[in-house]
N, C-alpha and C. Protein backbone atom coordinates (compact mmCIF):
# COMPACT_ATOMS: atom_id res chain seq x y z
N MET A 1 30.50 -28.77 12.13
CA MET A 1 29.71 -28.23 10.94
C MET A 1 28.13 -28.64 10.79
N PRO A 2 27.47 -29.39 11.94
CA PRO A 2 26.19 -30.13 11.08
C PRO A 2 25.31 -29.05 10.56
N ILE A 3 25.34 -27.78 10.48
CA ILE A 3 24.43 -26.76 10.21
C ILE A 3 24.72 -27.09 9.03
N LEU A 4 26.20 -26.33 8.68
CA LEU A 4 26.17 -26.56 7.30
C LEU A 4 26.01 -27.62 6.41
N GLY A 5 25.58 -28.55 6.08
CA GLY A 5 24.80 -30.47 5.57
C GLY A 5 23.41 -29.67 5.16
N THR A 6 22.71 -28.74 5.78
CA THR A 6 21.83 -28.00 5.45
C THR A 6 21.72 -26.98 4.56
N THR A 7 22.43 -25.78 4.11
CA THR A 7 23.08 -25.12 3.12
C THR A 7 23.17 -25.21 1.95
N THR A 8 22.83 -24.35 1.06
CA THR A 8 23.02 -24.34 -0.48
C THR A 8 23.65 -23.12 -0.73
N LEU A 9 24.35 -23.31 -1.87
CA LEU A 9 25.37 -21.94 -2.42
C LEU A 9 23.99 -21.50 -2.71
N ASP A 10 24.13 -20.37 -2.72
CA ASP A 10 23.34 -19.40 -3.49
C ASP A 10 24.30 -18.41 -4.78
N LYS A 11 25.12 -18.29 -4.55
CA LYS A 11 25.53 -17.32 -5.67
C LYS A 11 27.04 -17.37 -5.17
N GLN A 12 28.07 -17.25 -6.93
CA GLN A 12 29.69 -16.90 -6.03
C GLN A 12 30.11 -15.96 -7.06
N GLN A 13 30.89 -15.68 -6.14
CA GLN A 13 31.66 -14.56 -7.18
C GLN A 13 32.99 -14.62 -6.78
N ALA A 14 33.71 -14.38 -8.06
CA ALA A 14 35.25 -14.21 -8.37
C ALA A 14 35.99 -12.72 -8.90
N ASN A 15 36.58 -12.50 -8.38
CA ASN A 15 36.90 -11.27 -8.44
C ASN A 15 38.46 -11.36 -9.01
N ILE A 16 38.43 -9.60 -9.93
CA ILE A 16 40.64 -9.81 -10.65
C ILE A 16 41.17 -8.88 -9.83
N ARG A 17 41.90 -9.01 -10.35
CA ARG A 17 43.34 -7.48 -9.65
C ARG A 17 44.33 -7.40 -10.53
N PRO A 18 44.12 -6.79 -11.73
CA PRO A 18 44.87 -6.77 -13.21
C PRO A 18 46.43 -5.81 -11.93
N THR A 19 47.12 -7.29 -12.62
CA THR A 19 48.96 -6.64 -12.31
C THR A 19 49.82 -7.01 -13.50
N THR A 20 51.36 -7.22 -13.15
CA THR A 20 51.63 -7.21 -14.40
C THR A 20 53.38 -8.22 -13.83
N LEU A 21 53.66 -8.26 -15.06
CA LEU A 21 54.26 -10.32 -14.69
C LEU A 21 55.63 -9.46 -13.41
N ASP A 22 56.27 -8.36 -13.48
CA ASP A 22 57.36 -7.75 -12.25
C ASP A 22 56.34 -6.61 -10.78
N LYS A 23 54.96 -7.31 -10.65
CA LYS A 23 53.96 -6.95 -9.99
C LYS A 23 54.65 -5.54 -9.95
N ALA A 24 54.62 -4.34 -11.06
CA ALA A 24 54.62 -3.51 -10.78
C ALA A 24 53.57 -2.58 -11.72
N PRO A 25 53.11 -1.58 -11.72
CA PRO A 25 52.17 -0.88 -12.80
C PRO A 25 52.30 -0.54 -13.49
N PHE A 26 51.15 -0.63 -14.09
CA PHE A 26 51.85 0.02 -16.17
C PHE A 26 51.48 1.31 -15.99
N ILE A 27 51.92 2.05 -16.76
CA ILE A 27 51.38 3.62 -16.91
C ILE A 27 52.41 4.03 -18.12
N GLY A 28 51.79 4.92 -19.21
CA GLY A 28 52.03 5.76 -20.06
C GLY A 28 51.28 5.68 -21.28
N PRO A 29 52.01 6.20 -22.63
CA PRO A 29 50.89 6.68 -23.26
C PRO A 29 51.40 4.58 -24.12
N HIS A 30 50.33 4.03 -25.01
CA HIS A 30 50.67 3.17 -26.11
C HIS A 30 51.76 3.26 -27.20
N PRO A 31 52.00 2.41 -27.13
CA PRO A 31 53.29 2.75 -28.48
C PRO A 31 52.95 2.91 -29.66
N GLU A 32 51.39 1.92 -29.64
CA GLU A 32 50.52 2.08 -31.03
C GLU A 32 50.01 2.78 -31.55
N HIS A 33 48.88 3.04 -30.69
CA HIS A 33 47.72 3.95 -30.65
C HIS A 33 48.42 4.99 -29.55
N ASN A 34 48.87 6.53 -30.13
CA ASN A 34 48.46 7.67 -29.86
C ASN A 34 47.21 8.38 -29.15
N ASN A 35 46.01 8.12 -28.78
CA ASN A 35 45.46 8.92 -28.32
C ASN A 35 44.98 7.39 -26.48
N LEU A 36 45.48 6.71 -27.00
CA LEU A 36 45.80 5.61 -25.97
C LEU A 36 46.92 5.98 -24.60
N THR A 37 46.76 5.99 -23.36
CA THR A 37 47.47 6.01 -22.51
C THR A 37 46.69 4.77 -21.39
N ILE A 38 47.54 4.39 -20.76
CA ILE A 38 47.54 2.82 -19.85
C ILE A 38 47.79 3.61 -18.51
N PHE A 39 46.64 3.33 -17.65
CA PHE A 39 47.23 3.10 -15.72
C PHE A 39 46.51 2.37 -15.49
N ASN A 40 47.09 1.47 -15.15
CA ASN A 40 46.34 -0.27 -14.61
C ASN A 40 47.45 -1.09 -13.80
N GLY A 41 47.14 -2.24 -13.67
CA GLY A 41 48.09 -2.93 -13.26
C GLY A 41 48.91 -3.03 -11.79
N PHE A 42 47.59 -2.24 -10.94
CA PHE A 42 48.06 -1.93 -9.44
C PHE A 42 47.90 -2.91 -8.77
N GLY A 43 47.30 -4.39 -9.14
CA GLY A 43 46.70 -5.37 -8.23
C GLY A 43 46.30 -5.05 -6.95
N ALA A 44 47.09 -6.11 -5.76
CA ALA A 44 46.32 -6.08 -4.34
C ALA A 44 46.46 -4.82 -3.70
N LYS A 45 48.18 -4.09 -4.84
CA LYS A 45 47.94 -2.29 -3.49
C LYS A 45 47.70 -1.31 -3.98
N GLY A 46 46.70 -1.87 -4.77
CA GLY A 46 46.02 -0.12 -5.83
C GLY A 46 45.77 0.93 -5.13
N SER A 47 44.78 0.31 -3.56
CA SER A 47 44.12 1.66 -3.09
C SER A 47 45.77 2.26 -2.12
N LEU A 48 46.55 1.37 -1.97
CA LEU A 48 48.25 2.51 -1.72
C LEU A 48 48.61 3.34 -2.93
N LEU A 49 48.82 2.08 -3.58
CA LEU A 49 49.14 2.88 -4.72
C LEU A 49 48.63 4.21 -5.66
N ILE A 50 47.72 3.75 -6.13
CA ILE A 50 46.86 4.84 -7.13
C ILE A 50 46.86 6.22 -6.80
N PRO A 51 46.59 6.36 -5.27
CA PRO A 51 46.53 8.34 -5.50
C PRO A 51 48.17 8.71 -5.47
N TYR A 52 49.21 8.10 -5.23
CA TYR A 52 50.50 8.27 -5.30
C TYR A 52 50.98 8.64 -6.90
N TYR A 53 50.20 7.18 -7.52
CA TYR A 53 51.23 7.57 -9.07
C TYR A 53 49.84 8.42 -9.96
N SER A 54 48.23 8.66 -9.18
CA SER A 54 47.94 9.29 -10.17
C SER A 54 48.10 10.69 -9.90
N LYS A 55 48.50 11.49 -9.08
CA LYS A 55 49.53 12.51 -8.73
C LYS A 55 50.69 12.46 -10.36
N HIS A 56 52.09 11.66 -10.35
CA HIS A 56 52.70 11.65 -11.23
C HIS A 56 51.84 11.40 -12.77
N PHE A 57 50.86 10.90 -12.55
CA PHE A 57 50.31 10.66 -14.18
C PHE A 57 49.71 11.25 -14.55
N THR A 58 49.08 12.61 -13.66
CA THR A 58 48.67 14.14 -14.35
C THR A 58 49.49 14.92 -14.74
N GLN A 59 50.96 14.70 -13.98
CA GLN A 59 51.66 15.53 -14.14
C GLN A 59 52.57 15.47 -15.63
N HIS A 60 52.54 14.24 -15.88
CA HIS A 60 52.96 13.61 -16.68
C HIS A 60 52.03 14.14 -18.22
N LEU A 61 50.82 14.10 -17.98
CA LEU A 61 49.50 14.14 -19.29
C LEU A 61 49.27 15.70 -19.42
N LEU A 62 49.86 16.66 -18.11
CA LEU A 62 49.10 18.39 -18.05
C LEU A 62 50.95 18.57 -18.41
N ASN A 63 51.92 18.45 -18.38
CA ASN A 63 53.05 19.09 -17.91
C ASN A 63 54.26 18.03 -18.77
N GLN A 64 53.91 16.96 -19.23
CA GLN A 64 55.16 16.21 -19.49
C GLN A 64 55.72 16.02 -19.00
N LYS A 65 55.86 15.90 -18.05
CA LYS A 65 56.49 14.93 -17.23
C LYS A 65 57.36 13.78 -17.41
N PRO A 66 58.02 13.10 -17.41
CA PRO A 66 58.51 12.04 -17.76
C PRO A 66 58.25 11.04 -16.38
N ILE A 67 57.26 9.65 -16.74
CA ILE A 67 56.67 8.56 -15.65
C ILE A 67 58.05 7.70 -15.33
N ALA A 68 58.24 7.16 -13.92
CA ALA A 68 59.56 6.70 -13.77
C ALA A 68 59.30 5.77 -14.28
N THR A 69 60.67 5.29 -14.64
CA THR A 69 60.94 4.34 -15.25
C THR A 69 60.30 2.46 -14.72
N GLU A 70 60.09 2.22 -13.03
CA GLU A 70 59.92 1.26 -13.11
C GLU A 70 58.55 1.26 -12.90
N VAL A 71 57.88 2.29 -13.39
CA VAL A 71 55.71 2.25 -13.82
C VAL A 71 56.13 2.19 -15.06
N ASN A 72 56.93 2.37 -15.85
CA ASN A 72 56.27 3.06 -16.99
C ASN A 72 56.15 1.39 -17.98
N CYS A 73 55.12 2.04 -18.76
CA CYS A 73 55.11 0.03 -19.87
C CYS A 73 55.55 0.51 -20.92
N GLN A 74 56.54 1.45 -20.60
CA GLN A 74 57.49 1.11 -21.92
C GLN A 74 58.48 -0.36 -21.90
N ARG A 75 58.43 -0.51 -20.58
CA ARG A 75 59.52 -1.63 -20.04
C ARG A 75 59.33 -2.95 -21.12
N TYR A 76 57.43 -3.04 -21.11
CA TYR A 76 57.58 -3.85 -21.87
C TYR A 76 56.89 -3.84 -23.53
N PHE A 77 57.63 -3.06 -24.13
CA PHE A 77 57.58 -2.49 -25.51
C PHE A 77 58.88 -2.37 -26.24
């Protein structure tokens, strides 16, 4: 592609997707900071998983329903 030889790079951009070692989201209260809850680590599947887990997280915050074991951040603490 000869035309690429005449182009210059105007800007670069990098994005990150927070994820966990086991690729499962990280949801729940922080073990040391009582007023901090975590809802992160959804990675590349965030747009698919967040609506589902946000409903469950809301039930946890409002009604003290347990957080699913596979996404509970306590698995790392």
